[in-house]
């Protein structure tokens, strides 16, 4: 009798161990699946459908469009932002550009994103915090597209380490873009880098660094012909003057004393934001630099000017409906 009970007990224990092992294996599989990084392509079905719909309206087949979408998807799988690339595909197809002409533009944009990733990772190894990573990558890629070099970015990163302010990658990217904008106004690289580096050291935010770049570019001929001094401007920045005060007299045509009450209204953030709003309105109304908005780096219908090598040209057929939408 005891022997029979022991046999039953042994068989039961063996069965339970077997089932328990299966249960643990199944649960562990679920757990691994749950914590493993997602490997699904970054483009959604909606993205693909929308792009194919745009292409179809221009007589393009899915077979012509899918290689472009696959290229964008692979970029996303490497952890790089894809929104600007996807928008570029949509823009090109909507303009009637042949897919084979869009392909090299995507490759060029991808190369810049990779270069942006490289210099930002270098800055990260020096202790620079990320901030908004996607925005930093897209802004840095645009800075490189507009003429900033990786060596200049590295110098800005080095200069940013000298101050008490702990800069973020987003601020470094904005500084690089501000420098590129200055260079468009024929500001020498060395002086522009020193000025932007001082702004980063003094804790200028991304929007302030862009405003600084715009204003210096707008007055490029004054600096070039000696009517204004970059050294003096840099000294003002080093004393802690904010970007919205540096050019106040030139903006309004009156002295600081006449504007004391208005200049002191609102917090520093409010003043900086209002300056950015003014610059953005200038850009949209045909000002000197339409493309310097940090808050919408992915807006392709305005970000690719005629001097940009990655601009996609319209097809040769006349299209009067597209006038004024540069």
Foldseek 3Di string as FASTA:
>chain_A
DVVVVVVVVVVVVVVVVVVVVVVVVVVVVVVCVVPPDDQDFPDDPVLLVVLQVLLVVLVDHSVQCVVQVVLLRVLVNVVADRLLSSVLSSVCSNLNHGSVLLVVLSVLLSVLLVLQVVLLVVLVVVPAAAPPVRLLSLLQSLLVLLPQDSVLLVLLSVLLVPAPDRHHSNQSSLLSNLLSLLVVLVDDSVLSSLQSSLLSRLPADSLQSNLQSPVNSVCSVCCVVVVDDSVVLSVCSNVPDTSLPSCVCVVPVDDCVVCVVVVPPDDPVVSSVVSSVVVCVCLVVPHPDVASDSVCSSPPQRNADPVGPSDRDRDPDDDPVCPPRD
